[in-house]
């Protein structure tokens, strides 16, 4: 009677050792490079007289124009109560928005860009 050779208990750990090991994590990551502002956004823009009635006439960068318009909207409580994405225009903003009573915040940036040069 021939018996099959028994597998040695050492064969199992060897099979487990064949699994690929997890890649070691990098110990030190490179420091992130400082972000530099885009020169096009920082360039002072000339403001139309219509928009100047809302935020002032001094030439300021496009990013600051948007901030000042939002300050005006918050100060005069012009954001729609039900849908915060809409702005209800008062007389000054209605002139900036081309006569529209209400615009979305995304449409607002488009309409304001027409008053910058």
Protein backbone atom coordinates (compact mmCIF):
# COMPACT_ATOMS: atom_id res chain seq x y z
CA UNK A 1 0.00 0.00 0.00
CA UNK A 2 1.40 3.25 -1.15
CA UNK A 3 0.46 6.30 0.74
CA UNK A 4 0.65 9.77 -0.58
CA UNK A 5 3.48 11.79 0.84
CA UNK A 6 2.30 14.22 3.47
CA UNK A 7 2.83 17.88 2.90
CA UNK A 8 5.05 19.47 5.41
CA UNK A 9 3.51 22.19 7.62
CA UNK A 10 6.20 24.60 6.36
CA UNK A 11 4.54 24.68 2.89
CA UNK A 12 1.63 26.81 4.07
CA UNK A 13 3.67 29.78 5.31
CA UNK A 14 5.63 29.71 2.08
CA UNK A 15 2.42 30.07 0.10
CA UNK A 16 1.40 33.03 2.23
CA UNK A 17 4.78 34.63 1.68
CA UNK A 18 4.19 34.66 -2.10
CA UNK A 19 1.51 37.36 -1.76
CA UNK A 20 2.87 40.74 -2.82
CA UNK A 21 3.75 42.95 0.08
CA UNK A 22 2.18 46.40 0.33
CA UNK A 23 4.36 49.13 -1.11
CA UNK A 24 6.07 51.12 1.61
CA UNK A 25 4.79 54.65 2.04
CA UNK A 26 7.09 57.54 1.30
CA UNK A 27 8.48 58.84 4.55
CA UNK A 28 8.98 62.45 3.55
CA UNK A 29 6.71 64.18 1.04
CA UNK A 30 7.98 67.13 -0.94
CA UNK A 31 6.80 70.47 0.46
CA UNK A 32 4.03 71.97 -1.66
CA UNK A 33 5.13 74.84 -3.84
CA UNK A 34 3.59 78.17 -2.89
CA UNK A 35 0.80 79.25 -5.18
CA UNK A 36 1.41 82.45 -7.04
CA UNK A 37 -1.57 84.66 -7.90
CA UNK A 38 -2.45 84.83 -11.56
CA UNK A 39 -1.38 88.21 -12.91
CA UNK A 40 -4.54 88.51 -15.04
CA UNK A 41 -6.75 88.35 -11.94
CA UNK A 42 -4.62 90.84 -10.04
CA UNK A 43 -4.57 93.49 -12.78
CA UNK A 44 -6.58 96.58 -11.75
CA UNK A 45 -9.64 96.98 -13.97
CA UNK A 46 -11.40 100.17 -14.99
CA UNK A 47 -14.96 100.19 -13.65
CA UNK A 48 -17.95 101.57 -15.57
CA UNK A 49 -19.85 104.50 -14.01
CA UNK A 50 -22.90 102.24 -13.50
CA UNK A 51 -20.91 99.71 -11.45
CA UNK A 52 -18.97 102.51 -9.74
CA UNK A 53 -22.25 103.65 -8.15
CA UNK A 54 -22.33 100.30 -6.33
CA UNK A 55 -18.68 99.62 -5.38
CA UNK A 56 -16.73 102.83 -5.98
CA UNK A 57 -14.77 104.20 -8.91
CA UNK A 58 -11.19 103.21 -8.00
CA UNK A 59 -9.57 100.67 -10.35
CA UNK A 60 -9.39 97.33 -8.53
CA UNK A 61 -8.72 93.71 -9.55
CA UNK A 62 -11.55 91.53 -10.85
CA UNK A 63 -11.52 89.39 -7.69
CA UNK A 64 -12.01 92.45 -5.49
CA UNK A 65 -14.90 93.64 -7.69
CA UNK A 66 -16.77 90.41 -6.99
CA UNK A 67 -16.05 90.68 -3.25
CA UNK A 68 -17.32 94.25 -3.12
CA UNK A 69 -20.50 93.40 -5.01
CA UNK A 70 -21.16 90.57 -2.54
CA UNK A 71 -20.54 92.97 0.36
CA UNK A 72 -23.16 95.30 -1.15
CA UNK A 73 -25.63 92.42 -1.60
CA UNK A 74 -25.19 91.23 2.00
CA UNK A 75 -25.33 94.77 3.43
CA UNK A 76 -28.63 95.55 1.66
CA UNK A 77 -30.08 92.04 2.20
CA UNK A 78 -30.61 91.44 -1.53
CA UNK A 79 -30.09 87.66 -1.53
CA UNK A 80 -33.36 85.80 -2.12
CA UNK A 81 -34.62 84.20 1.12
CA UNK A 82 -36.02 81.05 -0.52
CA UNK A 83 -33.27 80.42 -3.08
CA UNK A 84 -29.93 81.80 -1.86
CA UNK A 85 -28.45 81.46 -5.36
CA UNK A 86 -30.61 84.31 -6.63
CA UNK A 87 -29.99 88.02 -6.10
CA UNK A 88 -32.92 90.46 -6.03
CA UNK A 89 -31.68 93.69 -7.57
CA UNK A 90 -32.33 97.13 -6.12
CA UNK A 91 -32.24 100.21 -8.37
CA UNK A 92 -28.43 100.42 -8.48
CA UNK A 93 -27.92 96.73 -9.19
CA UNK A 94 -30.77 96.64 -11.71
CA UNK A 95 -28.73 99.07 -13.84
CA UNK A 96 -25.68 96.81 -13.53
CA UNK A 97 -27.74 93.69 -14.35
CA UNK A 98 -29.18 95.19 -17.53
CA UNK A 99 -32.64 95.92 -16.09
CA UNK A 100 -33.24 92.42 -14.67
CA UNK A 101 -35.03 92.24 -11.30
CA UNK A 102 -33.45 88.93 -10.30
CA UNK A 103 -30.32 87.09 -11.45
CA UNK A 104 -28.50 83.97 -10.31
CA UNK A 105 -25.09 84.36 -8.71
CA UNK A 106 -23.51 82.70 -11.74
CA UNK A 107 -25.22 85.03 -14.17
CA UNK A 108 -24.21 87.96 -11.95
CA UNK A 109 -20.48 87.46 -12.59
CA UNK A 110 -21.14 87.38 -16.33
CA UNK A 111 -23.12 90.62 -16.21
CA UNK A 112 -20.52 92.36 -14.01
CA UNK A 113 -17.69 91.47 -16.40
CA UNK A 114 -19.38 93.63 -19.02
CA UNK A 115 -18.77 96.65 -16.76
CA UNK A 116 -15.01 96.06 -16.50
CA UNK A 117 -12.34 97.07 -18.97
